[in-house]
Amino acid sequence: MSATPREVAESYWRAEESRDITRILSHFHEDAVFHPVSGPLKGHAEIRTFYDGMGDAFPGLEVTITHEICSGDEACLEWEAVLIDHDGVRIPIRGVNVVHIHDGKFDSVRAYFDPTQFPTTGGQQ
C-alpha cells in the first residue's frame, strides 16, 4: 500500500520540525515544485533556499494538521503551526498546503499563508 498525501505531509512536517534539510528534501521529488507565497521554487536546490531561511530565522517549529480534504494522490491540508525564534518567542501561524504526491513523495506543494503573520526577522517571502 502506498502512502497517502496526509502520511507524506505528516512525515514532512516532522522533518521540517527537526530542521534537517536533507530529511525535509527527501519528501520532494528532485524536480518537484514548491510554491510558497513568494513564487515557485523548482528542484531541491531552489526549494532548499526556503527551508534554509526559515530554519535560520526560526530554529523551532511545531505543526499540526487541523483539517484535510483528500482525493487520491492530492490533498488540501489545513494546518496550525508555531514558529519559535532564537529568544524562544512563539509565533502562531495558520495556513493551507495543497499537495500532490507520486511514489510517496511530493510532486508539488502550494503553501497558502499570510506572510504578515511573520515578524520582520522571518518569513522573508
PDB file of N, CA and C in Angstrom:
ATOM      1  N   MET A   1       0.841  -1.175   0.000  1.00  0.00           N
ATOM      2  CA  MET A   1       0.000   0.000   0.000  1.00  0.00           C
ATOM      3  C   MET A   1       0.891   1.245   0.000  1.00  0.00           C
ATOM      4  N   SER A   2       0.602   2.181  -0.887  1.00  0.00           N
ATOM      5  CA  SER A   2       1.410   3.390  -0.968  1.00  0.00           C
ATOM      6  C   SER A   2       0.930   4.420   0.061  1.00  0.00           C
ATOM      7  N   ALA A   3       1.799   5.348   0.351  1.00  0.00           N
ATOM      8  CA  ALA A   3       1.500   6.380   1.346  1.00  0.00           C
ATOM      9  C   ALA A   3       0.420   7.326   0.832  1.00  0.00           C
ATOM     10  N   THR A   4      -0.370   7.820   1.747  1.00  0.00           N
ATOM     11  CA  THR A   4      -1.384   8.819   1.419  1.00  0.00           C
ATOM     12  C   THR A   4      -0.741  10.206   1.460  1.00  0.00           C
ATOM     13  N   PRO A   5      -1.378  11.194   0.832  1.00  0.00           N
ATOM     14  CA  PRO A   5      -0.843  12.551   0.935  1.00  0.00           C
ATOM     15  C   PRO A   5      -0.688  13.008   2.390  1.00  0.00           C
ATOM     16  N   ARG A   6      -1.638  12.660   3.241  1.00  0.00           N
ATOM     17  CA  ARG A   6      -1.518  13.068   4.647  1.00  0.00           C
ATOM     18  C   ARG A   6      -0.319  12.403   5.315  1.00  0.00           C
ATOM     19  N   GLU A   7      -0.095  11.121   5.045  1.00  0.00           N
ATOM     20  CA  GLU A   7       1.052  10.433   5.641  1.00  0.00           C
ATOM     21  C   GLU A   7       2.372  11.072   5.201  1.00  0.00           C
ATOM     22  N   VAL A   8       2.465  11.415   3.921  1.00  0.00           N
ATOM     23  CA  VAL A   8       3.676  12.082   3.435  1.00  0.00           C
ATOM     24  C   VAL A   8       3.820  13.442   4.113  1.00  0.00           C
ATOM     25  N   ALA A   9       2.713  14.181   4.205  1.00  0.00           N
ATOM     26  CA  ALA A   9       2.748  15.503   4.831  1.00  0.00           C
ATOM     27  C   ALA A   9       3.121  15.413   6.312  1.00  0.00           C
ATOM     28  N   GLU A  10       2.566  14.453   7.021  1.00  0.00           N
ATOM     29  CA  GLU A  10       2.909  14.286   8.450  1.00  0.00           C
ATOM     30  C   GLU A  10       4.409  14.026   8.607  1.00  0.00           C
ATOM     31  N   SER A  11       4.947  13.135   7.771  1.00  0.00           N
ATOM     32  CA  SER A  11       6.373  12.831   7.840  1.00  0.00           C
ATOM     33  C   SER A  11       7.210  14.057   7.468  1.00  0.00           C
ATOM     34  N   TYR A  12       6.781  14.767   6.446  1.00  0.00           N
ATOM     35  CA  TYR A  12       7.452  16.000   6.016  1.00  0.00           C
ATOM     36  C   TYR A  12       7.477  17.034   7.140  1.00  0.00           C
ATOM     37  N   TRP A  13       6.331  17.226   7.813  1.00  0.00           N
ATOM     38  CA  TRP A  13       6.310  18.231   8.884  1.00  0.00           C
ATOM     39  C   TRP A  13       7.149  17.811  10.078  1.00  0.00           C
ATOM     40  N   ARG A  14       7.254  16.510  10.357  1.00  0.00           N
ATOM     41  CA  ARG A  14       8.166  16.071  11.422  1.00  0.00           C
ATOM     42  C   ARG A  14       9.605  16.380  11.006  1.00  0.00           C
ATOM     43  N   ALA A  15       9.923  16.181   9.721  1.00  0.00           N
ATOM     44  CA  ALA A  15      11.266  16.511   9.225  1.00  0.00           C
ATOM     45  C   ALA A  15      11.506  18.012   9.308  1.00  0.00           C
ATOM     46  N   GLU A  16      10.497  18.809   8.929  1.00  0.00           N
ATOM     47  CA  GLU A  16      10.658  20.257   8.990  1.00  0.00           C
ATOM     48  C   GLU A  16      10.856  20.716  10.433  1.00  0.00           C
ATOM     49  N   GLU A  17      10.142  20.104  11.359  1.00  0.00           N
ATOM     50  CA  GLU A  17      10.324  20.449  12.773  1.00  0.00           C
ATOM     51  C   GLU A  17      11.749  20.162  13.241  1.00  0.00           C
ATOM     52  N   SER A  18      12.368  19.136  12.672  1.00  0.00           N
ATOM     53  CA  SER A  18      13.741  18.788  13.053  1.00  0.00           C
ATOM     54  C   SER A  18      14.761  19.761  12.466  1.00  0.00           C
ATOM     55  N   ARG A  19      14.346  20.527  11.456  1.00  0.00           N
ATOM     56  CA  ARG A  19      15.195  21.485  10.743  1.00  0.00           C
ATOM     57  C   ARG A  19      16.338  20.793  10.006  1.00  0.00           C
ATOM     58  N   ASP A  20      16.189  19.497   9.722  1.00  0.00           N
ATOM     59  CA  ASP A  20      17.178  18.714   8.978  1.00  0.00           C
ATOM     60  C   ASP A  20      16.848  18.839   7.486  1.00  0.00           C
ATOM     61  N   ILE A  21      17.602  19.662   6.772  1.00  0.00           N
ATOM     62  CA  ILE A  21      17.307  19.970   5.367  1.00  0.00           C
ATOM     63  C   ILE A  21      17.308  18.707   4.500  1.00  0.00           C
ATOM     64  N   THR A  22      18.254  17.826   4.704  1.00  0.00           N
ATOM     65  CA  THR A  22      18.301  16.593   3.907  1.00  0.00           C
ATOM     66  C   THR A  22      17.034  15.775   4.112  1.00  0.00           C
ATOM     67  N   ARG A  23      16.609  15.674   5.339  1.00  0.00           N
ATOM     68  CA  ARG A  23      15.384  14.941   5.657  1.00  0.00           C
ATOM     69  C   ARG A  23      14.154  15.621   5.043  1.00  0.00           C
ATOM     70  N   ILE A  24      14.109  16.947   5.101  1.00  0.00           N
ATOM     71  CA  ILE A  24      12.989  17.683   4.501  1.00  0.00           C
ATOM     72  C   ILE A  24      12.940  17.414   3.003  1.00  0.00           C
ATOM     73  N   LEU A  25      14.071  17.599   2.331  1.00  0.00           N
ATOM     74  CA  LEU A  25      14.111  17.448   0.879  1.00  0.00           C
ATOM     75  C   LEU A  25      13.828  16.021   0.423  1.00  0.00           C
ATOM     76  N   SER A  26      14.037  15.041   1.295  1.00  0.00           N
ATOM     77  CA  SER A  26      13.749  13.653   0.929  1.00  0.00           C
ATOM     78  C   SER A  26      12.261  13.424   0.678  1.00  0.00           C
ATOM     79  N   HIS A  27      11.428  14.376   1.053  1.00  0.00           N
ATOM     80  CA  HIS A  27       9.986  14.267   0.828  1.00  0.00           C
ATOM     81  C   HIS A  27       9.562  14.835  -0.534  1.00  0.00           C
ATOM     82  N   PHE A  28      10.507  15.433  -1.250  1.00  0.00           N
ATOM     83  CA  PHE A  28      10.243  16.040  -2.551  1.00  0.00           C
ATOM     84  C   PHE A  28      10.966  15.258  -3.649  1.00  0.00           C
ATOM     85  N   HIS A  29      10.300  15.055  -4.787  1.00  0.00           N
ATOM     86  CA  HIS A  29      10.999  14.540  -5.963  1.00  0.00           C
ATOM     87  C   HIS A  29      12.040  15.570  -6.386  1.00  0.00           C
ATOM     88  N   GLU A  30      13.091  15.133  -7.060  1.00  0.00           N
ATOM     89  CA  GLU A  30      14.179  16.023  -7.498  1.00  0.00           C
ATOM     90  C   GLU A  30      13.669  17.206  -8.309  1.00  0.00           C
ATOM     91  N   ASP A  31      12.608  16.991  -9.093  1.00  0.00           N
ATOM     92  CA  ASP A  31      12.082  18.061  -9.949  1.00  0.00           C
ATOM     93  C   ASP A  31      10.766  18.642  -9.428  1.00  0.00           C
ATOM     94  N   ALA A  32      10.489  18.430  -8.154  1.00  0.00           N
ATOM     95  CA  ALA A  32       9.247  18.930  -7.558  1.00  0.00           C
ATOM     96  C   ALA A  32       9.208  20.452  -7.603  1.00  0.00           C
ATOM     97  N   VAL A  33       7.989  20.978  -7.527  1.00  0.00           N
ATOM     98  CA  VAL A  33       7.801  22.422  -7.480  1.00  0.00           C
ATOM     99  C   VAL A  33       7.121  22.776  -6.164  1.00  0.00           C
ATOM    100  N   PHE A  34       7.721  23.724  -5.447  1.00  0.00           N
ATOM    101  CA  PHE A  34       7.182  24.220  -4.191  1.00  0.00           C
ATOM    102  C   PHE A  34       6.788  25.672  -4.412  1.00  0.00           C
ATOM    103  N   HIS A  35       5.559  26.002  -4.067  1.00  0.00           N
ATOM    104  CA  HIS A  35       5.028  27.356  -4.262  1.00  0.00           C
ATOM    105  C   HIS A  35       4.749  28.002  -2.910  1.00  0.00           C
ATOM    106  N   PRO A  36       5.767  28.617  -2.287  1.00  0.00           N
ATOM    107  CA  PRO A  36       5.451  29.440  -1.113  1.00  0.00           C
ATOM    108  C   PRO A  36       4.838  30.745  -1.606  1.00  0.00           C
ATOM    109  N   VAL A  37       4.514  31.628  -0.711  1.00  0.00           N
ATOM    110  CA  VAL A  37       3.877  32.893  -1.066  1.00  0.00           C
ATOM    111  C   VAL A  37       4.712  33.675  -2.092  1.00  0.00           C
ATOM    112  N   SER A  38       6.040  33.553  -2.029  1.00  0.00           N
ATOM    113  CA  SER A  38       6.930  34.343  -2.881  1.00  0.00           C
ATOM    114  C   SER A  38       6.965  33.899  -4.335  1.00  0.00           C
ATOM    115  N   GLY A  39       6.478  32.705  -4.641  1.00  0.00           N
ATOM    116  CA  GLY A  39       6.523  32.224  -6.017  1.00  0.00           C
ATOM    117  C   GLY A  39       7.168  30.862  -6.103  1.00  0.00           C
ATOM    118  N   PRO A  40       7.129  30.241  -7.275  1.00  0.00           N
ATOM    119  CA  PRO A  40       7.573  28.847  -7.391  1.00  0.00           C
ATOM    120  C   PRO A  40       9.077  28.655  -7.242  1.00  0.00           C
ATOM    121  N   LEU A  41       9.411  27.557  -6.592  1.00  0.00           N
ATOM    122  CA  LEU A  41      10.786  27.089  -6.465  1.00  0.00           C
ATOM    123  C   LEU A  41      10.811  25.680  -7.043  1.00  0.00           C
ATOM    124  N   LYS A  42      11.698  25.432  -8.000  1.00  0.00           N
ATOM    125  CA  LYS A  42      11.730  24.123  -8.651  1.00  0.00           C
ATOM    126  C   LYS A  42      13.028  23.387  -8.338  1.00  0.00           C
ATOM    127  N   GLY A  43      12.878  22.144  -7.935  1.00  0.00           N
ATOM    128  CA  GLY A  43      14.030  21.298  -7.659  1.00  0.00           C
ATOM    129  C   GLY A  43      14.609  21.531  -6.274  1.00  0.00           C
ATOM    130  N   HIS A  44      15.394  20.574  -5.841  1.00  0.00           N
ATOM    131  CA  HIS A  44      15.943  20.598  -4.484  1.00  0.00           C
ATOM    132  C   HIS A  44      16.765  21.846  -4.184  1.00  0.00           C
ATOM    133  N   ALA A  45      17.599  22.292  -5.127  1.00  0.00           N
ATOM    134  CA  ALA A  45      18.470  23.446  -4.850  1.00  0.00           C
ATOM    135  C   ALA A  45      17.652  24.700  -4.545  1.00  0.00           C
ATOM    136  N   GLU A  46      16.606  24.949  -5.325  1.00  0.00           N
ATOM    137  CA  GLU A  46      15.773  26.136  -5.086  1.00  0.00           C
ATOM    138  C   GLU A  46      14.910  25.972  -3.840  1.00  0.00           C
ATOM    139  N   ILE A  47      14.324  24.803  -3.674  1.00  0.00           N
ATOM    140  CA  ILE A  47      13.464  24.552  -2.507  1.00  0.00           C
ATOM    141  C   ILE A  47      14.276  24.713  -1.219  1.00  0.00           C
ATOM    142  N   ARG A  48      15.496  24.250  -1.244  1.00  0.00           N
ATOM    143  CA  ARG A  48      16.373  24.336  -0.073  1.00  0.00           C
ATOM    144  C   ARG A  48      16.504  25.775   0.438  1.00  0.00           C
ATOM    145  N   THR A  49      16.518  26.759  -0.464  1.00  0.00           N
ATOM    146  CA  THR A  49      16.702  28.150  -0.048  1.00  0.00           C
ATOM    147  C   THR A  49      15.590  28.602   0.899  1.00  0.00           C
ATOM    148  N   PHE A  50      14.378  28.144   0.662  1.00  0.00           N
ATOM    149  CA  PHE A  50      13.262  28.498   1.551  1.00  0.00           C
ATOM    150  C   PHE A  50      13.493  27.929   2.942  1.00  0.00           C
ATOM    151  N   TYR A  51      13.833  26.645   3.011  1.00  0.00           N
ATOM    152  CA  TYR A  51      13.997  25.990   4.309  1.00  0.00           C
ATOM    153  C   TYR A  51      15.242  26.451   5.042  1.00  0.00           C
ATOM    154  N   ASP A  52      16.301  26.787   4.312  1.00  0.00           N
ATOM    155  CA  ASP A  52      17.491  27.362   4.968  1.00  0.00           C
ATOM    156  C   ASP A  52      17.111  28.663   5.664  1.00  0.00           C
ATOM    157  N   GLY A  53      16.387  29.530   4.966  1.00  0.00           N
ATOM    158  CA  GLY A  53      15.989  30.817   5.538  1.00  0.00           C
ATOM    159  C   GLY A  53      15.075  30.671   6.736  1.00  0.00           C
ATOM    160  N   MET A  54      14.104  29.773   6.635  1.00  0.00           N
ATOM    161  CA  MET A  54      13.173  29.580   7.747  1.00  0.00           C
ATOM    162  C   MET A  54      13.888  28.997   8.966  1.00  0.00           C
ATOM    163  N   GLY A  55      14.763  28.037   8.734  1.00  0.00           N
ATOM    164  CA  GLY A  55      15.495  27.436   9.850  1.00  0.00           C
ATOM    165  C   GLY A  55      16.432  28.420  10.524  1.00  0.00           C
ATOM    166  N   ASP A  56      17.039  29.305   9.720  1.00  0.00           N
ATOM    167  CA  ASP A  56      17.927  30.318  10.292  1.00  0.00           C
ATOM    168  C   ASP A  56      17.140  31.292  11.172  1.00  0.00           C
ATOM    169  N   ALA A  57      15.974  31.728  10.705  1.00  0.00           N
ATOM    170  CA  ALA A  57      15.183  32.718  11.444  1.00  0.00           C
ATOM    171  C   ALA A  57      14.428  32.094  12.618  1.00  0.00           C
ATOM    172  N   PHE A  58      13.966  30.847  12.417  1.00  0.00           N
ATOM    173  CA  PHE A  58      13.125  30.187  13.426  1.00  0.00           C
ATOM    174  C   PHE A  58      13.644  28.772  13.674  1.00  0.00           C
ATOM    175  N   PRO A  59      14.530  28.595  14.644  1.00  0.00           N
ATOM    176  CA  PRO A  59      15.089  27.269  14.889  1.00  0.00           C
ATOM    177  C   PRO A  59      14.075  26.261  15.430  1.00  0.00           C
ATOM    178  N   GLY A  60      12.939  26.738  15.925  1.00  0.00           N
ATOM    179  CA  GLY A  60      11.914  25.836  16.437  1.00  0.00           C
ATOM    180  C   GLY A  60      10.643  25.917  15.621  1.00  0.00           C
ATOM    181  N   LEU A  61       9.949  24.796  15.520  1.00  0.00           N
ATOM    182  CA  LEU A  61       8.704  24.719  14.766  1.00  0.00           C
ATOM    183  C   LEU A  61       7.856  23.577  15.305  1.00  0.00           C
ATOM    184  N   GLU A  62       6.563  23.826  15.393  1.00  0.00           N
ATOM    185  CA  GLU A  62       5.583  22.786  15.738  1.00  0.00           C
ATOM    186  C   GLU A  62       4.439  22.915  14.744  1.00  0.00           C
ATOM    187  N   VAL A  63       4.012  21.809  14.134  1.00  0.00           N
ATOM    188  CA  VAL A  63       2.940  21.849  13.133  1.00  0.00           C
ATOM    189  C   VAL A  63       1.902  20.778  13.446  1.00  0.00           C
ATOM    190  N   THR A  64       0.626  21.159  13.315  1.00  0.00           N
ATOM    191  CA  THR A  64      -0.488  20.227  13.489  1.00  0.00           C
ATOM    192  C   THR A  64      -1.437  20.378  12.310  1.00  0.00           C
ATOM    193  N   ILE A  65      -1.820  19.274  11.698  1.00  0.00           N
ATOM    194  CA  ILE A  65      -2.844  19.293  10.657  1.00  0.00           C
ATOM    195  C   ILE A  65      -4.187  19.360  11.360  1.00  0.00           C
ATOM    196  N   THR A  66      -5.005  20.351  10.987  1.00  0.00           N
ATOM    197  CA  THR A  66      -6.299  20.536  11.648  1.00  0.00           C
ATOM    198  C   THR A  66      -7.477  20.089  10.795  1.00  0.00           C
ATOM    199  N   HIS A  67      -7.263  19.961   9.481  1.00  0.00           N
ATOM    200  CA  HIS A  67      -8.347  19.534   8.591  1.00  0.00           C
ATOM    201  C   HIS A  67      -7.736  19.070   7.285  1.00  0.00           C
ATOM    202  N   GLU A  68      -8.379  18.115   6.648  1.00  0.00           N
ATOM    203  CA  GLU A  68      -7.893  17.661   5.347  1.00  0.00           C
ATOM    204  C   GLU A  68      -9.039  17.295   4.433  1.00  0.00           C
ATOM    205  N   ILE A  69      -8.809  17.534   3.161  1.00  0.00           N
ATOM    206  CA  ILE A  69      -9.687  17.048   2.106  1.00  0.00           C
ATOM    207  C   ILE A  69      -8.766  16.314   1.152  1.00  0.00           C
ATOM    208  N   CYS A  70      -9.037  15.037   0.927  1.00  0.00           N
ATOM    209  CA  CYS A  70      -8.127  14.207   0.143  1.00  0.00           C
ATOM    210  C   CYS A  70      -8.880  13.564  -1.019  1.00  0.00           C
ATOM    211  N   SER A  71      -8.214  13.501  -2.153  1.00  0.00           N
ATOM    212  CA  SER A  71      -8.753  12.817  -3.326  1.00  0.00           C
ATOM    213  C   SER A  71      -7.592  12.127  -4.029  1.00  0.00           C
ATOM    214  N   GLY A  72      -7.439  10.841  -3.792  1.00  0.00           N
ATOM    215  CA  GLY A  72      -6.352  10.089  -4.416  1.00  0.00           C
ATOM    216  C   GLY A  72      -4.999  10.591  -3.975  1.00  0.00           C
ATOM    217  N   ASP A  73      -4.198  11.033  -4.955  1.00  0.00           N
ATOM    218  CA  ASP A  73      -2.837  11.494  -4.687  1.00  0.00           C
ATOM    219  C   ASP A  73      -2.758  12.988  -4.393  1.00  0.00           C
ATOM    220  N   GLU A  74      -3.917  13.634  -4.220  1.00  0.00           N
ATOM    221  CA  GLU A  74      -3.945  15.062  -3.929  1.00  0.00           C
ATOM    222  C   GLU A  74      -4.661  15.306  -2.616  1.00  0.00           C
ATOM    223  N   ALA A  75      -4.249  16.371  -1.928  1.00  0.00           N
ATOM    224  CA  ALA A  75      -4.917  16.735  -0.682  1.00  0.00           C
ATOM    225  C   ALA A  75      -4.765  18.219  -0.419  1.00  0.00           C
ATOM    226  N   CYS A  76      -5.726  18.733   0.295  1.00  0.00           N
ATOM    227  CA  CYS A  76      -5.683  20.090   0.826  1.00  0.00           C
ATOM    228  C   CYS A  76      -5.614  19.924   2.341  1.00  0.00           C
ATOM    229  N   LEU A  77      -4.526  20.401   2.929  1.00  0.00           N
ATOM    230  CA  LEU A  77      -4.264  20.193   4.345  1.00  0.00           C
ATOM    231  C   LEU A  77      -4.204  21.532   5.067  1.00  0.00           C
ATOM    232  N   GLU A  78      -5.174  21.766   5.930  1.00  0.00           N
ATOM    233  CA  GLU A  78      -5.164  22.975   6.755  1.00  0.00           C
ATOM    234  C   GLU A  78      -4.289  22.696   7.965  1.00  0.00           C
ATOM    235  N   TRP A  79      -3.460  23.663   8.328  1.00  0.00           N
ATOM    236  CA  TRP A  79      -2.533  23.449   9.436  1.00  0.00           C
ATOM    237  C   TRP A  79      -2.441  24.673  10.338  1.00  0.00           C
ATOM    238  N   GLU A  80      -2.020  24.381  11.558  1.00  0.00           N
ATOM    239  CA  GLU A  80      -1.667  25.420  12.521  1.00  0.00           C
ATOM    240  C   GLU A  80      -0.239  25.136  12.949  1.00  0.00           C
ATOM    241  N   ALA A  81       0.549  26.175  13.046  1.00  0.00           N
ATOM    242  CA  ALA A  81       1.953  25.995  13.404  1.00  0.00           C
ATOM    243  C   ALA A  81       2.367  27.051  14.417  1.00  0.00           C
ATOM    244  N   VAL A  82       3.468  26.762  15.070  1.00  0.00           N
ATOM    245  CA  VAL A  82       4.103  27.723  15.960  1.00  0.00           C
ATOM    246  C   VAL A  82       5.559  27.798  15.541  1.00  0.00           C
ATOM    247  N   LEU A  83       5.975  28.993  15.131  1.00  0.00           N
ATOM    248  CA  LEU A  83       7.381  29.260  14.857  1.00  0.00           C
ATOM    249  C   LEU A  83       8.013  29.724  16.166  1.00  0.00           C
ATOM    250  N   ILE A  84       9.238  29.275  16.417  1.00  0.00           N
ATOM    251  CA  ILE A  84       9.919  29.641  17.658  1.00  0.00           C
ATOM    252  C   ILE A  84      11.246  30.293  17.283  1.00  0.00           C
ATOM    253  N   ASP A  85      11.394  31.566  17.676  1.00  0.00           N
ATOM    254  CA  ASP A  85      12.612  32.291  17.297  1.00  0.00           C
ATOM    255  C   ASP A  85      13.758  31.983  18.262  1.00  0.00           C
ATOM    256  N   HIS A  86      14.895  32.629  18.037  1.00  0.00           N
ATOM    257  CA  HIS A  86      16.103  32.371  18.841  1.00  0.00           C
ATOM    258  C   HIS A  86      15.942  32.744  20.306  1.00  0.00           C
ATOM    259  N   ASP A  87      14.992  33.625  20.616  1.00  0.00           N
ATOM    260  CA  ASP A  87      14.741  34.023  22.001  1.00  0.00           C
ATOM    261  C   ASP A  87      13.654  33.186  22.661  1.00  0.00           C
ATOM    262  N   GLY A  88      13.146  32.186  21.934  1.00  0.00           N
ATOM    263  CA  GLY A  88      12.085  31.347  22.474  1.00  0.00           C
ATOM    264  C   GLY A  88      10.692  31.930  22.317  1.00  0.00           C
ATOM    265  N   VAL A  89      10.583  33.049  21.590  1.00  0.00           N
ATOM    266  CA  VAL A  89       9.271  33.653  21.349  1.00  0.00           C
ATOM    267  C   VAL A  89       8.498  32.762  20.386  1.00  0.00           C
ATOM    268  N   ARG A  90       7.252  32.471  20.760  1.00  0.00           N
ATOM    269  CA  ARG A  90       6.396  31.578  19.974  1.00  0.00           C
ATOM    270  C   ARG A  90       5.435  32.420  19.132  1.00  0.00           C
ATOM    271  N   ILE A  91       5.459  32.188  17.823  1.00  0.00           N
ATOM    272  CA  ILE A  91       4.632  32.936  16.888  1.00  0.00           C
ATOM    273  C   ILE A  91       3.664  31.978  16.203  1.00  0.00           C
ATOM    274  N   PRO A  92       2.371  32.055  16.525  1.00  0.00           N
ATOM    275  CA  PRO A  92       1.407  31.151  15.894  1.00  0.00           C
ATOM    276  C   PRO A  92       1.083  31.616  14.469  1.00  0.00           C
ATOM    277  N   ILE A  93       0.994  30.667  13.548  1.00  0.00           N
ATOM    278  CA  ILE A  93       0.582  30.945  12.175  1.00  0.00           C
ATOM    279  C   ILE A  93      -0.372  29.845  11.726  1.00  0.00           C
ATOM    280  N   ARG A  94      -1.130  30.148  10.688  1.00  0.00           N
ATOM    281  CA  ARG A  94      -2.077  29.176  10.132  1.00  0.00           C
ATOM    282  C   ARG A  94      -1.984  29.227   8.616  1.00  0.00           C
ATOM    283  N   GLY A  95      -2.322  28.122   7.984  1.00  0.00           N
ATOM    284  CA  GLY A  95      -2.307  28.109   6.532  1.00  0.00           C
ATOM    285  C   GLY A  95      -2.880  26.830   5.975  1.00  0.00           C
ATOM    286  N   VAL A  96      -2.720  26.691   4.671  1.00  0.00           N
ATOM    287  CA  VAL A  96      -3.207  25.529   3.934  1.00  0.00           C
ATOM    288  C   VAL A  96      -2.132  25.134   2.935  1.00  0.00           C
ATOM    289  N   ASN A  97      -1.847  23.854   2.832  1.00  0.00           N
ATOM    290  CA  ASN A  97      -0.981  23.335   1.783  1.00  0.00           C
ATOM    291  C   ASN A  97      -1.818  22.444   0.876  1.00  0.00           C
ATOM    292  N   VAL A  98      -1.688  22.674  -0.415  1.00  0.00           N
ATOM    293  CA  VAL A  98      -2.307  21.805  -1.412  1.00  0.00           C
ATOM    294  C   VAL A  98      -1.167  20.987  -1.991  1.00  0.00           C
ATOM    295  N   VAL A  99      -1.263  19.659  -1.834  1.00  0.00           N
ATOM    296  CA  VAL A  99      -0.141  18.792  -2.207  1.00  0.00           C
ATOM    297  C   VAL A  99      -0.574  17.756  -3.235  1.00  0.00           C
ATOM    298  N   HIS A 100       0.399  17.363  -4.051  1.00  0.00           N
ATOM    299  CA  HIS A 100       0.229  16.232  -4.963  1.00  0.00           C
ATOM    300  C   HIS A 100       1.435  15.336  -4.765  1.00  0.00           C
ATOM    301  N   ILE A 101       1.179  14.033  -4.582  1.00  0.00           N
ATOM    302  CA  ILE A 101       2.272  13.085  -4.388  1.00  0.00           C
ATOM    303  C   ILE A 101       2.306  12.069  -5.524  1.00  0.00           C
ATOM    304  N   HIS A 102       3.477  11.496  -5.702  1.00  0.00           N
ATOM    305  CA  HIS A 102       3.691  10.403  -6.648  1.00  0.00           C
ATOM    306  C   HIS A 102       4.785   9.531  -6.047  1.00  0.00           C
ATOM    307  N   ASP A 103       4.546   8.243  -5.984  1.00  0.00           N
ATOM    308  CA  ASP A 103       5.520   7.308  -5.403  1.00  0.00           C
ATOM    309  C   ASP A 103       5.999   7.746  -4.019  1.00  0.00           C
ATOM    310  N   GLY A 104       5.070   8.255  -3.203  1.00  0.00           N
ATOM    311  CA  GLY A 104       5.373   8.573  -1.813  1.00  0.00           C
ATOM    312  C   GLY A 104       6.138   9.849  -1.568  1.00  0.00           C
ATOM    313  N   LYS A 105       6.257  10.711  -2.606  1.00  0.00           N
ATOM    314  CA  LYS A 105       6.945  11.994  -2.447  1.00  0.00           C
ATOM    315  C   LYS A 105       6.124  13.089  -3.110  1.00  0.00           C
ATOM    316  N   PHE A 106       6.391  14.325  -2.697  1.00  0.00           N
ATOM    317  CA  PHE A 106       5.703  15.459  -3.291  1.00  0.00           C
ATOM    318  C   PHE A 106       6.183  15.710  -4.718  1.00  0.00           C
ATOM    319  N   ASP A 107       5.222  15.882  -5.637  1.00  0.00           N
ATOM    320  CA  ASP A 107       5.475  16.437  -6.974  1.00  0.00           C
ATOM    321  C   ASP A 107       5.331  17.947  -6.891  1.00  0.00           C
ATOM    322  N   SER A 108       4.305  18.361  -6.123  1.00  0.00           N
ATOM    323  CA  SER A 108       4.079  19.796  -5.962  1.00  0.00           C
ATOM    324  C   SER A 108       3.450  20.075  -4.605  1.00  0.00           C
ATOM    325  N   VAL A 109       3.809  21.240  -4.088  1.00  0.00           N
ATOM    326  CA  VAL A 109       3.241  21.749  -2.838  1.00  0.00           C
ATOM    327  C   VAL A 109       2.956  23.227  -3.062  1.00  0.00           C
ATOM    328  N   ARG A 110       1.718  23.626  -2.811  1.00  0.00           N
ATOM    329  CA  ARG A 110       1.343  25.041  -2.831  1.00  0.00           C
ATOM    330  C   ARG A 110       0.991  25.417  -1.399  1.00  0.00           C
ATOM    331  N   ALA A 111       1.767  26.333  -0.835  1.00  0.00           N
ATOM    332  CA  ALA A 111       1.575  26.745   0.553  1.00  0.00           C
ATOM    333  C   ALA A 111       0.892  28.106   0.577  1.00  0.00           C
ATOM    334  N   TYR A 112      -0.252  28.170   1.227  1.00  0.00           N
ATOM    335  CA  TYR A 112      -1.005  29.410   1.361  1.00  0.00           C
ATOM    336  C   TYR A 112      -1.019  29.821   2.828  1.00  0.00           C
ATOM    337  N   PHE A 113      -0.466  31.003   3.090  1.00  0.00           N
ATOM    338  CA  PHE A 113      -0.461  31.547   4.442  1.00  0.00           C
ATOM    339  C   PHE A 113      -0.261  33.050   4.321  1.00  0.00           C
ATOM    340  N   ASP A 114      -0.550  33.735   5.375  1.00  0.00           N
ATOM    341  CA  ASP A 114      -0.434  35.199   5.386  1.00  0.00           C
ATOM    342  C   ASP A 114       0.960  35.581   5.862  1.00  0.00           C
ATOM    343  N   PRO A 115       1.822  36.073   4.979  1.00  0.00           N
ATOM    344  CA  PRO A 115       3.183  36.408   5.398  1.00  0.00           C
ATOM    345  C   PRO A 115       3.247  37.547   6.409  1.00  0.00           C
ATOM    346  N   THR A 116       2.166  38.295   6.580  1.00  0.00           N
ATOM    347  CA  THR A 116       2.180  39.359   7.589  1.00  0.00           C
ATOM    348  C   THR A 116       2.107  38.777   9.004  1.00  0.00           C
ATOM    349  N   GLN A 117       1.859  37.469   9.113  1.00  0.00           N
ATOM    350  CA  GLN A 117       1.867  36.810  10.419  1.00  0.00           C
ATOM    351  C   GLN A 117       3.285  36.706  10.980  1.00  0.00           C
ATOM    352  N   PHE A 118       4.284  36.845  10.104  1.00  0.00           N
ATOM    353  CA  PHE A 118       5.675  36.688  10.493  1.00  0.00           C
ATOM    354  C   PHE A 118       6.233  38.016  11.016  1.00  0.00           C
ATOM    355  N   PRO A 119       7.062  37.958  12.049  1.00  0.00           N
ATOM    356  CA  PRO A 119       7.761  39.182  12.446  1.00  0.00           C
ATOM    357  C   PRO A 119       8.752  39.569  11.337  1.00  0.00           C
ATOM    358  N   THR A 120       9.274  40.753  11.376  1.00  0.00           N
ATOM    359  CA  THR A 120      10.146  41.244  10.311  1.00  0.00           C
ATOM    360  C   THR A 120      11.407  40.421  10.160  1.00  0.00           C
ATOM    361  N   THR A 121      11.829  39.656  11.166  1.00  0.00           N
ATOM    362  CA  THR A 121      13.045  38.848  11.058  1.00  0.00           C
ATOM    363  C   THR A 121      12.818  37.563  10.300  1.00  0.00           C
ATOM    364  N   GLY A 122      11.568  37.142  10.148  1.00  0.00           N
ATOM    365  CA  GLY A 122      11.311  35.868   9.478  1.00  0.00           C
ATOM    366  C   GLY A 122      10.351  36.042   8.342  1.00  0.00           C
ATOM    367  N   GLY A 123      10.005  34.902   7.734  1.00  0.00           N
ATOM    368  CA  GLY A 123       9.032  34.895   6.670  1.00  0.00           C
ATOM    369  C   GLY A 123       9.459  35.696   5.466  1.00  0.00           C
ATOM    370  N   GLN A 124      10.757  35.764   5.212  1.00  0.00           N
ATOM    371  CA  GLN A 124      11.229  36.529   4.071  1.00  0.00           C
ATOM    372  C   GLN A 124      10.758  35.860   2.803  1.00  0.00           C
ATOM    373  N   GLN A 125       9.556  36.228   2.423  1.00  0.00           N
ATOM    374  CA  GLN A 125       8.920  35.600   1.267  1.00  0.00           C
ATOM    375  C   GLN A 125       9.274  36.394   0.081  1.00  0.00           C
TER     376      GLN A 125
END
